[in-house]
Amino acid sequence: MSDIEIRRAAATDLHDIVALLADDPLGATRESPDDLTPYRAAYEVLAADPHQHLVVAVREGRVVGTLQLTVVPGLSRRGATRSIIEGVRIHADERGNGLGTQLIEWAVATSRTLGCHLVQLTSDATRIDAHRFYERLGFEASHLGFKLQL
């Protein structure tokens, strides 16, 4: 995997990122790769916030993976800072070759460097394969998550 570059996402990566987000049964129902307008606005907010790390994995000039790492200062756990991993996606052609592991390991190492004491993520209840993947990497299914659609 040494031919993979993990770097901050640029505005020019948006089409590829949104295509990755839309390329699964859940994403296909909630993403709109044909209209980048809302994604551009969101990208500008993310790019301006030093606590947000939207990254892409690039192989031979092609975006093949993405994730967002958010650093959250907090009071709980004795004032611990935590990070949250979101939007992990790997291009269909790249799945199963270790790229997902490399991206998560990057996120954990970056979290340590940024002084985080905890890394957390959520995964849709239907993504059983993803749950096994995260557990294999040392994550524990320790909490029950709730969401309220607004």
N, C-alpha and C. Protein backbone atom coordinates (compact mmCIF):
# COMPACT_ATOMS: atom_id res chain seq x y z
N MET A 1 0.82 -1.20 0.00
CA MET A 1 0.00 0.00 0.00
C MET A 1 0.85 1.26 0.00
N SER A 2 2.13 1.14 -0.20
CA SER A 2 2.99 2.31 -0.17
C SER A 2 2.71 3.27 -1.31
N ASP A 3 1.94 2.84 -2.31
CA ASP A 3 1.62 3.73 -3.41
C ASP A 3 0.38 4.57 -3.15
N ILE A 4 -0.11 4.54 -1.91
CA ILE A 4 -1.28 5.33 -1.51
C ILE A 4 -0.81 6.60 -0.81
N GLU A 5 -1.38 7.72 -1.22
CA GLU A 5 -1.15 8.99 -0.54
C GLU A 5 -2.45 9.36 0.18
N ILE A 6 -2.35 9.65 1.47
CA ILE A 6 -3.50 10.15 2.23
C ILE A 6 -3.23 11.63 2.45
N ARG A 7 -4.15 12.46 1.96
CA ARG A 7 -3.96 13.90 2.04
C ARG A 7 -5.29 14.59 2.30
N ARG A 8 -5.19 15.86 2.72
CA ARG A 8 -6.39 16.66 2.88
C ARG A 8 -7.13 16.74 1.56
N ALA A 9 -8.43 16.67 1.63
CA ALA A 9 -9.24 16.78 0.42
C ALA A 9 -9.22 18.22 -0.07
N ALA A 10 -9.22 18.38 -1.37
CA ALA A 10 -9.32 19.68 -2.01
C ALA A 10 -10.71 19.81 -2.62
N ALA A 11 -11.10 21.03 -2.91
CA ALA A 11 -12.41 21.25 -3.53
C ALA A 11 -12.55 20.47 -4.83
N THR A 12 -11.45 20.27 -5.51
CA THR A 12 -11.49 19.53 -6.77
C THR A 12 -11.75 18.03 -6.57
N ASP A 13 -11.68 17.56 -5.33
CA ASP A 13 -11.95 16.15 -5.02
C ASP A 13 -13.42 15.89 -4.73
N LEU A 14 -14.23 16.94 -4.65
CA LEU A 14 -15.62 16.77 -4.20
C LEU A 14 -16.41 15.77 -5.04
N HIS A 15 -16.31 15.84 -6.34
CA HIS A 15 -17.08 14.91 -7.17
C HIS A 15 -16.72 13.47 -6.82
N ASP A 16 -15.43 13.18 -6.69
CA ASP A 16 -15.00 11.81 -6.36
C ASP A 16 -15.46 11.40 -4.97
N ILE A 17 -15.38 12.31 -4.00
CA ILE A 17 -15.81 11.99 -2.63
C ILE A 17 -17.30 11.68 -2.60
N VAL A 18 -18.09 12.52 -3.23
CA VAL A 18 -19.55 12.31 -3.24
C VAL A 18 -19.90 11.02 -3.97
N ALA A 19 -19.19 10.72 -5.03
CA ALA A 19 -19.43 9.45 -5.73
C ALA A 19 -19.15 8.27 -4.80
N LEU A 20 -18.09 8.36 -3.99
CA LEU A 20 -17.81 7.29 -3.02
C LEU A 20 -18.91 7.20 -1.97
N LEU A 21 -19.37 8.35 -1.48
CA LEU A 21 -20.43 8.34 -0.47
C LEU A 21 -21.73 7.74 -1.02
N ALA A 22 -21.97 7.92 -2.30
CA ALA A 22 -23.21 7.44 -2.91
C ALA A 22 -23.14 5.98 -3.35
N ASP A 23 -21.94 5.41 -3.35
CA ASP A 23 -21.75 4.07 -3.92
C ASP A 23 -21.97 2.95 -2.91
N ASP A 24 -23.13 2.95 -2.29
CA ASP A 24 -23.57 1.82 -1.49
C ASP A 24 -25.07 1.96 -1.28
N PRO A 25 -25.75 0.92 -0.83
CA PRO A 25 -27.21 0.98 -0.74
C PRO A 25 -27.74 2.13 0.12
N LEU A 26 -27.09 2.44 1.22
CA LEU A 26 -27.55 3.54 2.07
C LEU A 26 -27.22 4.89 1.44
N GLY A 27 -25.99 5.05 0.97
CA GLY A 27 -25.58 6.32 0.38
C GLY A 27 -26.37 6.66 -0.87
N ALA A 28 -26.75 5.65 -1.61
CA ALA A 28 -27.50 5.88 -2.85
C ALA A 28 -28.83 6.57 -2.57
N THR A 29 -29.38 6.39 -1.38
CA THR A 29 -30.67 7.00 -1.05
C THR A 29 -30.54 8.40 -0.47
N ARG A 30 -29.33 8.80 -0.08
CA ARG A 30 -29.21 10.10 0.60
C ARG A 30 -28.19 11.05 -0.03
N GLU A 31 -27.45 10.61 -0.99
CA GLU A 31 -26.45 11.48 -1.63
C GLU A 31 -26.89 11.85 -3.04
N SER A 32 -26.40 12.97 -3.53
CA SER A 32 -26.78 13.48 -4.85
C SER A 32 -25.53 13.87 -5.64
N PRO A 33 -24.85 12.91 -6.22
CA PRO A 33 -23.61 13.22 -6.94
C PRO A 33 -23.80 14.13 -8.15
N ASP A 34 -25.02 14.27 -8.64
CA ASP A 34 -25.26 15.13 -9.80
C ASP A 34 -25.42 16.60 -9.45
N ASP A 35 -25.53 16.91 -8.15
CA ASP A 35 -25.67 18.31 -7.71
C ASP A 35 -24.69 18.55 -6.57
N LEU A 36 -23.54 19.11 -6.89
CA LEU A 36 -22.49 19.33 -5.89
C LEU A 36 -22.69 20.60 -5.07
N THR A 37 -23.73 21.39 -5.35
CA THR A 37 -23.93 22.67 -4.67
C THR A 37 -23.91 22.54 -3.15
N PRO A 38 -24.69 21.65 -2.54
CA PRO A 38 -24.65 21.58 -1.07
C PRO A 38 -23.32 21.06 -0.54
N TYR A 39 -22.66 20.23 -1.30
CA TYR A 39 -21.37 19.69 -0.89
C TYR A 39 -20.28 20.76 -0.92
N ARG A 40 -20.36 21.66 -1.89
CA ARG A 40 -19.38 22.76 -1.96
C ARG A 40 -19.50 23.64 -0.73
N ALA A 41 -20.73 23.97 -0.34
CA ALA A 41 -20.94 24.80 0.85
C ALA A 41 -20.42 24.09 2.10
N ALA A 42 -20.70 22.81 2.21
CA ALA A 42 -20.22 22.04 3.37
C ALA A 42 -18.70 21.96 3.37
N TYR A 43 -18.12 21.76 2.19
CA TYR A 43 -16.66 21.68 2.09
C TYR A 43 -16.01 22.98 2.58
N GLU A 44 -16.55 24.12 2.22
CA GLU A 44 -15.99 25.40 2.65
C GLU A 44 -15.98 25.52 4.18
N VAL A 45 -17.05 25.06 4.82
CA VAL A 45 -17.11 25.08 6.29
C VAL A 45 -16.05 24.14 6.85
N LEU A 46 -15.95 22.94 6.31
CA LEU A 46 -14.97 21.96 6.78
C LEU A 46 -13.54 22.47 6.59
N ALA A 47 -13.27 23.03 5.43
CA ALA A 47 -11.91 23.49 5.13
C ALA A 47 -11.48 24.63 6.04
N ALA A 48 -12.43 25.41 6.52
CA ALA A 48 -12.10 26.55 7.39
C ALA A 48 -11.97 26.17 8.86
N ASP A 49 -12.38 24.96 9.22
CA ASP A 49 -12.40 24.54 10.63
C ASP A 49 -11.18 23.66 10.93
N PRO A 50 -10.28 24.10 11.80
CA PRO A 50 -9.08 23.31 12.08
C PRO A 50 -9.35 21.99 12.79
N HIS A 51 -10.57 21.80 13.29
CA HIS A 51 -10.92 20.55 13.96
C HIS A 51 -11.45 19.49 12.98
N GLN A 52 -11.58 19.87 11.72
CA GLN A 52 -12.11 18.96 10.71
C GLN A 52 -10.98 18.53 9.77
N HIS A 53 -10.91 17.24 9.53
CA HIS A 53 -9.89 16.68 8.66
C HIS A 53 -10.58 15.77 7.65
N LEU A 54 -10.97 16.35 6.53
CA LEU A 54 -11.56 15.58 5.44
C LEU A 54 -10.39 15.15 4.55
N VAL A 55 -10.20 13.85 4.42
CA VAL A 55 -9.04 13.35 3.68
C VAL A 55 -9.48 12.42 2.57
N VAL A 56 -8.57 12.28 1.62
CA VAL A 56 -8.76 11.31 0.54
C VAL A 56 -7.52 10.43 0.46
N ALA A 57 -7.75 9.22 0.03
CA ALA A 57 -6.66 8.30 -0.30
C ALA A 57 -6.55 8.29 -1.81
N VAL A 58 -5.35 8.51 -2.30
CA VAL A 58 -5.14 8.66 -3.74
C VAL A 58 -4.11 7.63 -4.20
N ARG A 59 -4.45 6.94 -5.27
CA ARG A 59 -3.52 6.01 -5.92
C ARG A 59 -3.42 6.42 -7.38
N GLU A 60 -2.20 6.68 -7.81
CA GLU A 60 -1.94 7.05 -9.22
C GLU A 60 -2.86 8.17 -9.69
N GLY A 61 -3.03 9.19 -8.84
CA GLY A 61 -3.83 10.35 -9.19
C GLY A 61 -5.32 10.17 -9.09
N ARG A 62 -5.78 9.02 -8.65
CA ARG A 62 -7.22 8.70 -8.57
C ARG A 62 -7.65 8.58 -7.11
N VAL A 63 -8.73 9.27 -6.73
CA VAL A 63 -9.27 9.17 -5.37
C VAL A 63 -9.92 7.80 -5.22
N VAL A 64 -9.41 7.01 -4.26
CA VAL A 64 -9.90 5.65 -4.07
C VAL A 64 -10.47 5.43 -2.66
N GLY A 65 -10.42 6.45 -1.82
CA GLY A 65 -10.98 6.32 -0.48
C GLY A 65 -11.11 7.69 0.17
N THR A 66 -11.91 7.75 1.22
CA THR A 66 -12.11 9.01 1.95
C THR A 66 -12.56 8.72 3.37
N LEU A 67 -12.35 9.68 4.24
CA LEU A 67 -12.96 9.70 5.56
C LEU A 67 -12.88 11.11 6.10
N GLN A 68 -13.70 11.36 7.11
CA GLN A 68 -13.67 12.63 7.82
C GLN A 68 -13.34 12.35 9.26
N LEU A 69 -12.35 13.06 9.79
CA LEU A 69 -11.94 12.96 11.19
C LEU A 69 -12.24 14.30 11.85
N THR A 70 -13.05 14.27 12.90
CA THR A 70 -13.42 15.47 13.63
C THR A 70 -12.83 15.39 15.03
N VAL A 71 -12.16 16.44 15.46
CA VAL A 71 -11.58 16.51 16.80
C VAL A 71 -12.53 17.32 17.68
N VAL A 72 -12.91 16.72 18.82
CA VAL A 72 -13.91 17.33 19.69
C VAL A 72 -13.33 17.50 21.10
N PRO A 73 -13.06 18.73 21.51
CA PRO A 73 -12.64 18.94 22.90
C PRO A 73 -13.85 18.67 23.81
N GLY A 74 -13.60 18.24 25.02
CA GLY A 74 -14.72 17.95 25.92
C GLY A 74 -14.35 18.09 27.38
N LEU A 75 -15.37 18.05 28.21
CA LEU A 75 -15.19 18.09 29.65
C LEU A 75 -15.19 16.70 30.26
N SER A 76 -15.97 15.79 29.69
CA SER A 76 -16.06 14.46 30.27
C SER A 76 -14.72 13.74 30.14
N ARG A 77 -14.57 12.69 30.91
CA ARG A 77 -13.32 11.91 30.92
C ARG A 77 -12.13 12.80 31.27
N ARG A 78 -12.37 13.66 32.27
CA ARG A 78 -11.31 14.54 32.78
C ARG A 78 -10.80 15.53 31.73
N GLY A 79 -11.73 16.04 30.95
CA GLY A 79 -11.37 17.03 29.94
C GLY A 79 -10.73 16.46 28.70
N ALA A 80 -11.05 15.21 28.41
CA ALA A 80 -10.41 14.52 27.29
C ALA A 80 -10.92 15.04 25.94
N THR A 81 -9.99 15.13 25.02
CA THR A 81 -10.32 15.40 23.63
C THR A 81 -10.53 14.07 22.94
N ARG A 82 -11.54 14.00 22.11
CA ARG A 82 -11.81 12.77 21.36
C ARG A 82 -11.87 13.08 19.88
N SER A 83 -11.78 12.06 19.08
CA SER A 83 -11.98 12.24 17.65
C SER A 83 -13.11 11.32 17.22
N ILE A 84 -13.76 11.75 16.16
CA ILE A 84 -14.86 10.99 15.59
C ILE A 84 -14.54 10.72 14.12
N ILE A 85 -14.61 9.47 13.74
CA ILE A 85 -14.40 9.07 12.35
C ILE A 85 -15.76 8.92 11.69
N GLU A 86 -15.92 9.57 10.55
CA GLU A 86 -17.19 9.53 9.81
C GLU A 86 -16.91 9.32 8.33
N GLY A 87 -17.92 8.89 7.61
CA GLY A 87 -17.88 8.87 6.15
C GLY A 87 -16.74 8.08 5.56
N VAL A 88 -16.45 6.92 6.14
CA VAL A 88 -15.38 6.08 5.61
C VAL A 88 -15.91 5.36 4.37
N ARG A 89 -15.25 5.58 3.26
CA ARG A 89 -15.66 4.91 2.03
C ARG A 89 -14.42 4.52 1.23
N ILE A 90 -14.49 3.34 0.66
CA ILE A 90 -13.43 2.80 -0.20
C ILE A 90 -14.04 2.49 -1.55
N HIS A 91 -13.36 2.87 -2.62
CA HIS A 91 -13.84 2.59 -3.97
C HIS A 91 -14.04 1.08 -4.12
N ALA A 92 -15.08 0.67 -4.82
CA ALA A 92 -15.41 -0.74 -4.98
C ALA A 92 -14.23 -1.56 -5.51
N ASP A 93 -13.44 -0.99 -6.41
CA ASP A 93 -12.28 -1.70 -6.98
C ASP A 93 -11.16 -1.91 -5.97
N GLU A 94 -11.20 -1.19 -4.86
CA GLU A 94 -10.10 -1.21 -3.89
C GLU A 94 -10.45 -1.97 -2.61
N ARG A 95 -11.70 -2.38 -2.47
CA ARG A 95 -12.13 -3.04 -1.23
C ARG A 95 -11.44 -4.39 -1.08
N GLY A 96 -11.06 -4.70 0.14
CA GLY A 96 -10.46 -5.99 0.45
C GLY A 96 -8.95 -6.04 0.28
N ASN A 97 -8.32 -4.91 -0.03
CA ASN A 97 -6.86 -4.95 -0.23
C ASN A 97 -6.09 -4.21 0.86
N GLY A 98 -6.77 -3.81 1.94
CA GLY A 98 -6.08 -3.18 3.06
C GLY A 98 -6.17 -1.67 3.11
N LEU A 99 -6.79 -1.06 2.11
CA LEU A 99 -6.87 0.39 2.10
C LEU A 99 -7.71 0.92 3.27
N GLY A 100 -8.82 0.26 3.58
CA GLY A 100 -9.64 0.68 4.71
C GLY A 100 -8.85 0.65 6.00
N THR A 101 -8.08 -0.40 6.19
CA THR A 101 -7.22 -0.51 7.38
C THR A 101 -6.23 0.64 7.41
N GLN A 102 -5.62 0.93 6.28
CA GLN A 102 -4.65 2.01 6.21
C GLN A 102 -5.29 3.36 6.56
N LEU A 103 -6.50 3.61 6.07
CA LEU A 103 -7.19 4.87 6.38
C LEU A 103 -7.52 4.97 7.87
N ILE A 104 -8.03 3.89 8.45
CA ILE A 104 -8.37 3.93 9.87
C ILE A 104 -7.10 4.07 10.71
N GLU A 105 -6.05 3.38 10.35
CA GLU A 105 -4.78 3.53 11.08
C GLU A 105 -4.27 4.96 10.97
N TRP A 106 -4.43 5.60 9.83
CA TRP A 106 -4.06 7.00 9.68
C TRP A 106 -4.88 7.86 10.66
N ALA A 107 -6.19 7.61 10.72
CA ALA A 107 -7.07 8.39 11.59
C ALA A 107 -6.69 8.21 13.06
N VAL A 108 -6.38 7.00 13.47
CA VAL A 108 -5.99 6.74 14.86
C VAL A 108 -4.66 7.42 15.17
N ALA A 109 -3.68 7.28 14.29
CA ALA A 109 -2.37 7.90 14.51
C ALA A 109 -2.49 9.42 14.54
N THR A 110 -3.29 9.99 13.64
CA THR A 110 -3.50 11.43 13.63
C THR A 110 -4.19 11.88 14.91
N SER A 111 -5.14 11.10 15.38
CA SER A 111 -5.83 11.42 16.64
C SER A 111 -4.85 11.46 17.79
N ARG A 112 -3.95 10.50 17.85
CA ARG A 112 -2.93 10.50 18.90
C ARG A 112 -2.07 11.76 18.81
N THR A 113 -1.62 12.07 17.61
CA THR A 113 -0.77 13.25 17.39
C THR A 113 -1.48 14.52 17.83
N LEU A 114 -2.78 14.58 17.65
CA LEU A 114 -3.57 15.76 18.01
C LEU A 114 -3.98 15.77 19.48
N GLY A 115 -3.52 14.79 20.24
CA GLY A 115 -3.79 14.77 21.69
C GLY A 115 -5.10 14.15 22.09
N CYS A 116 -5.72 13.40 21.22
CA CYS A 116 -6.99 12.76 21.56
C CYS A 116 -6.75 11.57 22.50
N HIS A 117 -7.70 11.36 23.38
CA HIS A 117 -7.65 10.24 24.31
C HIS A 117 -8.58 9.11 23.91
N LEU A 118 -9.43 9.36 22.93
CA LEU A 118 -10.44 8.39 22.52
C LEU A 118 -10.78 8.63 21.06
N VAL A 119 -10.94 7.54 20.32
CA VAL A 119 -11.41 7.61 18.93
C VAL A 119 -12.73 6.87 18.89
N GLN A 120 -13.73 7.50 18.33
CA GLN A 120 -15.02 6.84 18.24
C GLN A 120 -15.58 6.96 16.83
N LEU A 121 -16.51 6.08 16.53
CA LEU A 121 -17.20 6.12 15.25
C LEU A 121 -18.54 5.45 15.41
N THR A 122 -19.42 5.74 14.47
CA THR A 122 -20.69 5.03 14.40
C THR A 122 -20.75 4.33 13.06
N SER A 123 -21.52 3.27 13.03
CA SER A 123 -21.72 2.52 11.80
C SER A 123 -23.18 2.09 11.77
N ASP A 124 -23.82 2.28 10.66
CA ASP A 124 -25.22 1.91 10.54
C ASP A 124 -25.42 0.46 10.98
N ALA A 125 -26.50 0.20 11.67
CA ALA A 125 -26.77 -1.13 12.21
C ALA A 125 -26.80 -2.22 11.14
N THR A 126 -27.07 -1.85 9.90
CA THR A 126 -27.14 -2.84 8.82
C THR A 126 -25.78 -3.20 8.23
N ARG A 127 -24.75 -2.48 8.59
CA ARG A 127 -23.42 -2.69 8.00
C ARG A 127 -22.62 -3.72 8.80
N ILE A 128 -23.07 -4.94 8.79
CA ILE A 128 -22.47 -6.01 9.59
C ILE A 128 -21.00 -6.24 9.22
N ASP A 129 -20.67 -6.23 7.94
CA ASP A 129 -19.27 -6.42 7.53
C ASP A 129 -18.39 -5.30 8.08
N ALA A 130 -18.90 -4.07 8.06
CA ALA A 130 -18.14 -2.94 8.60
C ALA A 130 -17.92 -3.12 10.10
N HIS A 131 -18.91 -3.64 10.80
CA HIS A 131 -18.76 -3.85 12.25
C HIS A 131 -17.62 -4.83 12.53
N ARG A 132 -17.58 -5.91 11.77
CA ARG A 132 -16.49 -6.88 11.94
C ARG A 132 -15.13 -6.24 11.62
N PHE A 133 -15.10 -5.42 10.59
CA PHE A 133 -13.87 -4.71 10.21
C PHE A 133 -13.39 -3.84 11.36
N TYR A 134 -14.26 -3.02 11.93
CA TYR A 134 -13.86 -2.12 13.02
C TYR A 134 -13.44 -2.90 14.26
N GLU A 135 -14.14 -3.97 14.56
CA GLU A 135 -13.75 -4.79 15.71
C GLU A 135 -12.39 -5.43 15.50
N ARG A 136 -12.11 -5.85 14.29
CA ARG A 136 -10.79 -6.42 13.99
C ARG A 136 -9.68 -5.40 14.21
N LEU A 137 -10.00 -4.12 14.04
CA LEU A 137 -9.02 -3.06 14.25
C LEU A 137 -8.96 -2.57 15.70
N GLY A 138 -9.71 -3.22 16.59
CA GLY A 138 -9.63 -2.90 18.01
C GLY A 138 -10.76 -2.05 18.55
N PHE A 139 -11.70 -1.65 17.72
CA PHE A 139 -12.84 -0.87 18.20
C PHE A 139 -13.81 -1.82 18.89
N GLU A 140 -14.46 -1.32 19.93
CA GLU A 140 -15.44 -2.11 20.67
C GLU A 140 -16.83 -1.51 20.47
N ALA A 141 -17.81 -2.37 20.28
CA ALA A 141 -19.21 -1.93 20.19
C ALA A 141 -19.71 -1.72 21.61
N SER A 142 -19.37 -0.57 22.19
CA SER A 142 -19.60 -0.34 23.62
C SER A 142 -20.83 0.50 23.92
N HIS A 143 -21.40 1.16 22.92
CA HIS A 143 -22.52 2.07 23.16
C HIS A 143 -23.62 1.79 22.15
N LEU A 144 -24.80 2.24 22.49
CA LEU A 144 -25.93 2.20 21.58
C LEU A 144 -26.16 3.63 21.10
N GLY A 145 -26.16 3.86 19.80
CA GLY A 145 -26.29 5.20 19.27
C GLY A 145 -27.73 5.55 18.92
N PHE A 146 -28.03 6.83 19.00
CA PHE A 146 -29.36 7.33 18.64
C PHE A 146 -29.20 8.51 17.72
N LYS A 147 -30.15 8.68 16.80
CA LYS A 147 -30.15 9.83 15.89
C LYS A 147 -31.55 10.38 15.82
N LEU A 148 -31.63 11.67 15.61
CA LEU A 148 -32.91 12.35 15.40
C LEU A 148 -32.79 13.12 14.10
N GLN A 149 -33.55 12.72 13.10
CA GLN A 149 -33.51 13.39 11.80
C GLN A 149 -34.18 14.74 11.91
N LEU A 150 -33.51 15.79 11.48
CA LEU A 150 -34.08 17.15 11.54
C LEU A 150 -34.38 17.66 10.14
